[in-house]
Amino acid sequence: MESKGADSYRVLLEGGVGEYVEKKSRFIATIRRCESEEEAVAFIEEMKKKYWDARHNCSAFVLGSRGELTRCSDDGEPGGTAGRPMLEVLTGEKIRNIAVVVTRYFGGVLLGTGGLVRAYTQAVKEGLKNCTVGRMRYGQDIKVTTDYNGIGKILYLLGNAGIEPTASEYTDKVMLRLIIPAEDVEKLKKNMVEVTGGRVKFEKLQELYFVDKDFCED
């Protein structure tokens, strides 16, 4: 896991498909979110079965919050002309938990090593255009307890900060569950104490990465 604090990383939220044609060869890029090596391997096998009649099904994937697990395959293309360039696109975009298979239907014209590198690179870029990418941020899951006099002021603070409670419970007290970016926790706590005159309690439930919806990219 990355160092704690204001860490964030890009992650695939929704996959997509893109196509690139070079000298009558079709390169179809299928991109999918994968959380583990087992998922990525199963996805690659699925694409090989789907496009069983294609000349090549080259692949690459990047897993983990630091991109610590990477793999790529040329699937019969000349070494270094397919899988590695595909992987370099993914690592260059700094997207995690992502796998791509580029299927090639041979068009009858040899492309040469430079042409293959360009075609596989471009195919992945075309696929990424049809994906949704989000940003994972490091933060804390916190339980906030206050009284009915303080809840309105706290909700006003949260609204200004763009934070929506993930859960709430109204009994003799009011309980909110909040996921707050790590770098904002102390400031927000201080502000809640001030607006409630100290009538607020905090309990840190866990530290975690969460999807920052404000950073989603189509």
C-alpha atoms as a PDB file:
ATOM      1  CA  MET A   1       0.000   0.000   0.000  1.00  0.00           C
ATOM      2  CA  GLU A   2       1.182   3.517  -0.714  1.00  0.00           C
ATOM      3  CA  SER A   3       2.365   5.833   2.023  1.00  0.00           C
ATOM      4  CA  LYS A   4      -0.483   7.290   4.055  1.00  0.00           C
ATOM      5  CA  GLY A   5      -1.657  10.847   3.647  1.00  0.00           C
ATOM      6  CA  ALA A   6      -2.908  12.647   0.586  1.00  0.00           C
ATOM      7  CA  ASP A   7      -2.325   9.590  -1.570  1.00  0.00           C
ATOM      8  CA  SER A   8      -4.458   8.895  -4.593  1.00  0.00           C
ATOM      9  CA  TYR A   9      -4.287   6.759  -7.676  1.00  0.00           C
ATOM     10  CA  ARG A  10      -6.334   6.288 -10.838  1.00  0.00           C
ATOM     11  CA  VAL A  11      -8.415   3.144 -11.115  1.00  0.00           C
ATOM     12  CA  LEU A  12     -10.619   1.683 -13.819  1.00  0.00           C
ATOM     13  CA  LEU A  13     -14.288   1.913 -12.831  1.00  0.00           C
ATOM     14  CA  GLU A  14     -15.901   0.740 -16.049  1.00  0.00           C
ATOM     15  CA  GLY A  15     -14.246  -1.009 -18.979  1.00  0.00           C
ATOM     16  CA  GLY A  16     -14.765  -0.482 -22.674  1.00  0.00           C
ATOM     17  CA  VAL A  17     -13.835  -1.563 -26.176  1.00  0.00           C
ATOM     18  CA  GLY A  18     -11.959   0.291 -28.913  1.00  0.00           C
ATOM     19  CA  GLU A  19     -10.681  -0.588 -32.380  1.00  0.00           C
ATOM     20  CA  TYR A  20      -7.765   0.452 -34.553  1.00  0.00           C
ATOM     21  CA  VAL A  21      -7.103  -0.560 -38.156  1.00  0.00           C
ATOM     22  CA  GLU A  22      -3.627  -0.598 -39.734  1.00  0.00           C
ATOM     23  CA  LYS A  23      -3.117  -1.855 -43.302  1.00  0.00           C
ATOM     24  CA  LYS A  24      -6.278  -3.974 -43.124  1.00  0.00           C
ATOM     25  CA  SER A  25      -5.269  -5.605 -39.816  1.00  0.00           C
ATOM     26  CA  ARG A  26      -7.945  -5.052 -37.142  1.00  0.00           C
ATOM     27  CA  PHE A  27      -6.830  -4.482 -33.555  1.00  0.00           C
ATOM     28  CA  ILE A  28      -9.700  -4.761 -31.058  1.00  0.00           C
ATOM     29  CA  ALA A  29      -8.894  -3.631 -27.505  1.00  0.00           C
ATOM     30  CA  THR A  30     -11.129  -4.944 -24.722  1.00  0.00           C
ATOM     31  CA  ILE A  31     -10.498  -3.391 -21.315  1.00  0.00           C
ATOM     32  CA  ARG A  32     -11.895  -4.602 -18.005  1.00  0.00           C
ATOM     33  CA  ARG A  33     -11.533  -3.859 -14.308  1.00  0.00           C
ATOM     34  CA  CYS A  34      -9.836  -6.722 -12.429  1.00  0.00           C
ATOM     35  CA  GLU A  35      -9.116  -6.908  -8.708  1.00  0.00           C
ATOM     36  CA  SER A  36      -6.778  -9.923  -8.709  1.00  0.00           C
ATOM     37  CA  GLU A  37      -4.416 -11.904 -10.913  1.00  0.00           C
ATOM     38  CA  GLU A  38      -6.982 -14.710 -11.033  1.00  0.00           C
ATOM     39  CA  GLU A  39      -9.613 -12.312 -12.404  1.00  0.00           C
ATOM     40  CA  ALA A  40      -7.170 -10.968 -14.991  1.00  0.00           C
ATOM     41  CA  VAL A  41      -6.141 -14.447 -16.165  1.00  0.00           C
ATOM     42  CA  ALA A  42      -9.802 -15.520 -16.411  1.00  0.00           C
ATOM     43  CA  PHE A  43     -10.600 -12.399 -18.439  1.00  0.00           C
ATOM     44  CA  ILE A  44      -7.730 -13.081 -20.855  1.00  0.00           C
ATOM     45  CA  GLU A  45      -8.917 -16.678 -21.343  1.00  0.00           C
ATOM     46  CA  GLU A  46     -12.459 -15.436 -21.905  1.00  0.00           C
ATOM     47  CA  MET A  47     -11.283 -13.131 -24.686  1.00  0.00           C
ATOM     48  CA  LYS A  48      -9.233 -15.914 -26.292  1.00  0.00           C
ATOM     49  CA  LYS A  49     -12.353 -18.062 -26.433  1.00  0.00           C
ATOM     50  CA  LYS A  50     -14.495 -15.216 -27.743  1.00  0.00           C
ATOM     51  CA  TYR A  51     -11.997 -14.346 -30.479  1.00  0.00           C
ATOM     52  CA  TRP A  52     -10.807 -17.905 -31.077  1.00  0.00           C
ATOM     53  CA  ASP A  53     -10.443 -17.265 -34.820  1.00  0.00           C
ATOM     54  CA  ALA A  54      -8.092 -14.287 -34.412  1.00  0.00           C
ATOM     55  CA  ARG A  55      -4.368 -14.492 -35.169  1.00  0.00           C
ATOM     56  CA  HIS A  56      -3.325 -13.054 -31.781  1.00  0.00           C
ATOM     57  CA  ASN A  57      -4.847 -12.105 -28.411  1.00  0.00           C
ATOM     58  CA  CYS A  58      -2.142 -10.077 -26.690  1.00  0.00           C
ATOM     59  CA  SER A  59      -2.609  -8.924 -23.107  1.00  0.00           C
ATOM     60  CA  ALA A  60      -1.394  -6.742 -20.263  1.00  0.00           C
ATOM     61  CA  PHE A  61      -2.587  -5.890 -16.774  1.00  0.00           C
ATOM     62  CA  VAL A  62      -1.687  -3.699 -13.785  1.00  0.00           C
ATOM     63  CA  LEU A  63      -2.947  -4.580 -10.301  1.00  0.00           C
ATOM     64  CA  GLY A  64      -2.583  -3.110  -6.820  1.00  0.00           C
ATOM     65  CA  SER A  65      -2.703   0.429  -5.415  1.00  0.00           C
ATOM     66  CA  ARG A  66       0.981   0.900  -6.332  1.00  0.00           C
ATOM     67  CA  GLY A  67       0.724  -1.070  -9.573  1.00  0.00           C
ATOM     68  CA  GLU A  68       2.931  -3.671  -7.915  1.00  0.00           C
ATOM     69  CA  LEU A  69       1.723  -6.576 -10.069  1.00  0.00           C
ATOM     70  CA  THR A  70       2.151  -6.296 -13.841  1.00  0.00           C
ATOM     71  CA  ARG A  71       2.115  -8.899 -16.592  1.00  0.00           C
ATOM     72  CA  CYS A  72       2.071  -8.813 -20.377  1.00  0.00           C
ATOM     73  CA  SER A  73       2.043 -11.284 -23.272  1.00  0.00           C
ATOM     74  CA  ASP A  74       2.877 -10.977 -26.973  1.00  0.00           C
ATOM     75  CA  ASP A  75       0.851 -14.141 -27.748  1.00  0.00           C
ATOM     76  CA  GLY A  76       2.955 -15.075 -30.753  1.00  0.00           C
ATOM     77  CA  GLU A  77       3.803 -11.600 -32.029  1.00  0.00           C
ATOM     78  CA  PRO A  78       7.533 -10.749 -32.258  1.00  0.00           C
ATOM     79  CA  GLY A  79       8.955 -10.205 -28.764  1.00  0.00           C
ATOM     80  CA  GLY A  80       8.339  -6.731 -27.346  1.00  0.00           C
ATOM     81  CA  THR A  81       5.998  -5.562 -30.125  1.00  0.00           C
ATOM     82  CA  ALA A  82       2.636  -6.066 -28.392  1.00  0.00           C
ATOM     83  CA  GLY A  83       2.376  -6.872 -24.677  1.00  0.00           C
ATOM     84  CA  ARG A  84       5.109  -4.487 -23.518  1.00  0.00           C
ATOM     85  CA  PRO A  85       3.834  -1.455 -25.470  1.00  0.00           C
ATOM     86  CA  MET A  86       0.306  -2.202 -24.206  1.00  0.00           C
ATOM     87  CA  LEU A  87       1.557  -2.363 -20.628  1.00  0.00           C
ATOM     88  CA  GLU A  88       3.461   0.895 -21.072  1.00  0.00           C
ATOM     89  CA  VAL A  89       0.229   2.667 -22.020  1.00  0.00           C
ATOM     90  CA  LEU A  90      -1.451   1.448 -18.824  1.00  0.00           C
ATOM     91  CA  THR A  91       1.488   2.334 -16.572  1.00  0.00           C
ATOM     92  CA  GLY A  92       1.912   5.676 -18.320  1.00  0.00           C
ATOM     93  CA  GLU A  93      -1.714   6.535 -17.566  1.00  0.00           C
ATOM     94  CA  LYS A  94      -1.137   5.410 -13.951  1.00  0.00           C
ATOM     95  CA  ILE A  95      -4.340   3.351 -13.945  1.00  0.00           C
ATOM     96  CA  ARG A  96      -4.584   0.452 -11.480  1.00  0.00           C
ATOM     97  CA  ASN A  97      -6.716  -2.708 -11.391  1.00  0.00           C
ATOM     98  CA  ILE A  98      -6.971  -2.806 -15.158  1.00  0.00           C
ATOM     99  CA  ALA A  99      -6.504  -5.523 -17.773  1.00  0.00           C
ATOM    100  CA  VAL A 100      -6.532  -5.252 -21.560  1.00  0.00           C
ATOM    101  CA  VAL A 101      -6.612  -7.783 -24.369  1.00  0.00           C
ATOM    102  CA  VAL A 102      -5.899  -6.618 -27.901  1.00  0.00           C
ATOM    103  CA  THR A 103      -7.200  -9.030 -30.513  1.00  0.00           C
ATOM    104  CA  ARG A 104      -5.581  -8.911 -33.941  1.00  0.00           C
ATOM    105  CA  TYR A 105      -7.218 -10.081 -37.125  1.00  0.00           C
ATOM    106  CA  PHE A 106      -4.407 -10.230 -39.709  1.00  0.00           C
ATOM    107  CA  GLY A 107      -5.073  -8.167 -42.829  1.00  0.00           C
ATOM    108  CA  GLY A 108      -2.518  -9.845 -45.084  1.00  0.00           C
ATOM    109  CA  VAL A 109       0.145  -7.121 -44.889  1.00  0.00           C
ATOM    110  CA  LEU A 110       3.156  -7.382 -42.551  1.00  0.00           C
ATOM    111  CA  LEU A 111       3.507  -4.290 -40.388  1.00  0.00           C
ATOM    112  CA  GLY A 112       7.086  -4.680 -39.174  1.00  0.00           C
ATOM    113  CA  THR A 113       8.130  -4.251 -35.574  1.00  0.00           C
ATOM    114  CA  GLY A 114       7.607  -0.482 -35.524  1.00  0.00           C
ATOM    115  CA  GLY A 115       4.172  -0.827 -37.097  1.00  0.00           C
ATOM    116  CA  LEU A 116       3.134  -3.459 -34.582  1.00  0.00           C
ATOM    117  CA  VAL A 117       4.249  -1.377 -31.606  1.00  0.00           C
ATOM    118  CA  ARG A 118       2.331   1.609 -32.953  1.00  0.00           C
ATOM    119  CA  ALA A 119      -0.812  -0.418 -33.700  1.00  0.00           C
ATOM    120  CA  TYR A 120      -1.001  -2.164 -30.308  1.00  0.00           C
ATOM    121  CA  THR A 121      -0.288   1.105 -28.513  1.00  0.00           C
ATOM    122  CA  GLN A 122      -2.978   2.956 -30.435  1.00  0.00           C
ATOM    123  CA  ALA A 123      -5.526   0.173 -29.937  1.00  0.00           C
ATOM    124  CA  VAL A 124      -5.193   0.424 -26.150  1.00  0.00           C
ATOM    125  CA  LYS A 125      -5.566   4.209 -26.329  1.00  0.00           C
ATOM    126  CA  GLU A 126      -8.738   3.788 -28.400  1.00  0.00           C
ATOM    127  CA  GLY A 127     -10.107   1.378 -25.811  1.00  0.00           C
ATOM    128  CA  LEU A 128      -9.346   3.756 -22.946  1.00  0.00           C
ATOM    129  CA  LYS A 129     -11.402   6.456 -24.659  1.00  0.00           C
ATOM    130  CA  ASN A 130     -14.476   4.307 -24.009  1.00  0.00           C
ATOM    131  CA  CYS A 131     -13.711   3.565 -20.351  1.00  0.00           C
ATOM    132  CA  THR A 132     -14.582   5.353 -17.111  1.00  0.00           C
ATOM    133  CA  VAL A 133     -11.637   6.101 -14.849  1.00  0.00           C
ATOM    134  CA  GLY A 134     -11.916   7.291 -11.257  1.00  0.00           C
ATOM    135  CA  ARG A 135      -9.534   8.303  -8.529  1.00  0.00           C
ATOM    136  CA  MET A 136      -9.017   6.377  -5.301  1.00  0.00           C
ATOM    137  CA  ARG A 137      -8.124   8.514  -2.299  1.00  0.00           C
ATOM    138  CA  TYR A 138      -6.832   7.505   1.102  1.00  0.00           C
ATOM    139  CA  GLY A 139      -9.059   8.400   4.017  1.00  0.00           C
ATOM    140  CA  GLN A 140     -10.823   7.431   7.219  1.00  0.00           C
ATOM    141  CA  ASP A 141     -14.219   5.927   7.978  1.00  0.00           C
ATOM    142  CA  ILE A 142     -15.401   7.854  11.053  1.00  0.00           C
ATOM    143  CA  LYS A 143     -18.467   7.628  13.292  1.00  0.00           C
ATOM    144  CA  VAL A 144     -19.652  11.039  14.478  1.00  0.00           C
ATOM    145  CA  THR A 145     -22.103  11.333  17.384  1.00  0.00           C
ATOM    146  CA  THR A 146     -23.815  14.575  18.387  1.00  0.00           C
ATOM    147  CA  ASP A 147     -27.151  15.900  19.690  1.00  0.00           C
ATOM    148  CA  TYR A 148     -30.103  17.340  17.814  1.00  0.00           C
ATOM    149  CA  ASN A 149     -28.903  20.909  18.363  1.00  0.00           C
ATOM    150  CA  GLY A 150     -25.606  20.177  16.634  1.00  0.00           C
ATOM    151  CA  ILE A 151     -26.653  18.011  13.719  1.00  0.00           C
ATOM    152  CA  GLY A 152     -27.888  20.850  11.511  1.00  0.00           C
ATOM    153  CA  LYS A 153     -24.616  22.723  11.885  1.00  0.00           C
ATOM    154  CA  ILE A 154     -22.595  19.573  11.157  1.00  0.00           C
ATOM    155  CA  LEU A 155     -24.631  18.767   8.055  1.00  0.00           C
ATOM    156  CA  TYR A 156     -24.083  22.347   6.846  1.00  0.00           C
ATOM    157  CA  LEU A 157     -20.321  21.923   7.299  1.00  0.00           C
ATOM    158  CA  LEU A 158     -20.360  18.596   5.474  1.00  0.00           C
ATOM    159  CA  GLY A 159     -22.366  20.059   2.600  1.00  0.00           C
ATOM    160  CA  ASN A 160     -19.804  22.809   2.123  1.00  0.00           C
ATOM    161  CA  ALA A 161     -17.055  20.176   2.140  1.00  0.00           C
ATOM    162  CA  GLY A 162     -18.888  18.023  -0.412  1.00  0.00           C
ATOM    163  CA  ILE A 163     -19.146  15.077   1.980  1.00  0.00           C
ATOM    164  CA  GLU A 164     -22.313  12.991   2.213  1.00  0.00           C
ATOM    165  CA  PRO A 165     -22.854  10.668   5.183  1.00  0.00           C
ATOM    166  CA  THR A 166     -22.709   6.982   4.240  1.00  0.00           C
ATOM    167  CA  ALA A 167     -25.132   6.141   7.063  1.00  0.00           C
ATOM    168  CA  SER A 168     -27.143   7.913   9.769  1.00  0.00           C
ATOM    169  CA  GLU A 169     -29.079   6.933  12.874  1.00  0.00           C
ATOM    170  CA  TYR A 170     -31.444   9.159  14.847  1.00  0.00           C
ATOM    171  CA  THR A 171     -32.201   7.986  18.412  1.00  0.00           C
ATOM    172  CA  ASP A 172     -31.667   9.977  21.598  1.00  0.00           C
ATOM    173  CA  LYS A 173     -28.476  11.105  19.843  1.00  0.00           C
ATOM    174  CA  VAL A 174     -27.592  11.455  16.172  1.00  0.00           C
ATOM    175  CA  MET A 175     -24.946   9.202  14.624  1.00  0.00           C
ATOM    176  CA  LEU A 176     -23.348   9.770  11.201  1.00  0.00           C
ATOM    177  CA  ARG A 177     -20.854   7.613   9.300  1.00  0.00           C
ATOM    178  CA  LEU A 178     -18.445   9.667   7.222  1.00  0.00           C
ATOM    179  CA  ILE A 179     -15.627   8.835   4.827  1.00  0.00           C
ATOM    180  CA  ILE A 180     -13.197  11.742   4.872  1.00  0.00           C
ATOM    181  CA  PRO A 181      -9.973  12.253   2.874  1.00  0.00           C
ATOM    182  CA  ALA A 182      -7.050  11.742   5.268  1.00  0.00           C
ATOM    183  CA  GLU A 183      -5.677  15.247   4.770  1.00  0.00           C
ATOM    184  CA  ASP A 184      -9.062  16.823   5.716  1.00  0.00           C
ATOM    185  CA  VAL A 185      -9.841  14.799   8.852  1.00  0.00           C
ATOM    186  CA  GLU A 186      -8.304  17.018  11.535  1.00  0.00           C
ATOM    187  CA  LYS A 187      -9.580  20.282  10.074  1.00  0.00           C
ATOM    188  CA  LEU A 188     -13.115  18.928   9.711  1.00  0.00           C
ATOM    189  CA  LYS A 189     -13.081  17.533  13.256  1.00  0.00           C
ATOM    190  CA  LYS A 190     -11.944  20.900  14.596  1.00  0.00           C
ATOM    191  CA  ASN A 191     -14.713  22.697  12.723  1.00  0.00           C
ATOM    192  CA  MET A 192     -17.358  20.274  14.016  1.00  0.00           C
ATOM    193  CA  VAL A 193     -16.164  20.793  17.587  1.00  0.00           C
ATOM    194  CA  GLU A 194     -16.358  24.563  17.136  1.00  0.00           C
ATOM    195  CA  VAL A 195     -19.862  24.711  15.626  1.00  0.00           C
ATOM    196  CA  THR A 196     -21.333  22.330  18.238  1.00  0.00           C
ATOM    197  CA  GLY A 197     -19.597  23.885  21.222  1.00  0.00           C
ATOM    198  CA  GLY A 198     -17.796  20.592  21.824  1.00  0.00           C
ATOM    199  CA  ARG A 199     -20.970  18.473  21.816  1.00  0.00           C
ATOM    200  CA  VAL A 200     -19.597  15.921  19.349  1.00  0.00           C
ATOM    201  CA  LYS A 201     -17.678  12.660  19.618  1.00  0.00           C
ATOM    202  CA  PHE A 202     -15.573  10.874  17.026  1.00  0.00           C
ATOM    203  CA  GLU A 203     -14.662   7.231  16.562  1.00  0.00           C
ATOM    204  CA  LYS A 204     -12.288   6.131  13.813  1.00  0.00           C
ATOM    205  CA  LEU A 205     -13.587   2.840  12.453  1.00  0.00           C
ATOM    206  CA  GLN A 206     -10.987   2.144   9.769  1.00  0.00           C
ATOM    207  CA  GLU A 207      -8.539   3.603   7.272  1.00  0.00           C
ATOM    208  CA  LEU A 208      -9.270   2.846   3.642  1.00  0.00           C
ATOM    209  CA  TYR A 209      -9.117   3.850  -0.009  1.00  0.00           C
ATOM    210  CA  PHE A 210     -12.366   5.166  -1.472  1.00  0.00           C
ATOM    211  CA  VAL A 211     -13.571   6.336  -4.872  1.00  0.00           C
ATOM    212  CA  ASP A 212     -13.518  10.118  -5.166  1.00  0.00           C
ATOM    213  CA  LYS A 213     -16.560  10.676  -7.365  1.00  0.00           C
ATOM    214  CA  ASP A 214     -15.513  14.257  -8.136  1.00  0.00           C
ATOM    215  CA  PHE A 215     -12.576  12.874 -10.132  1.00  0.00           C
ATOM    216  CA  CYS A 216     -14.419  10.374 -12.342  1.00  0.00           C
ATOM    217  CA  GLU A 217     -13.370  10.599 -15.997  1.00  0.00           C
ATOM    218  CA  ASP A 218     -15.296   9.289 -18.991  1.00  0.00           C
END
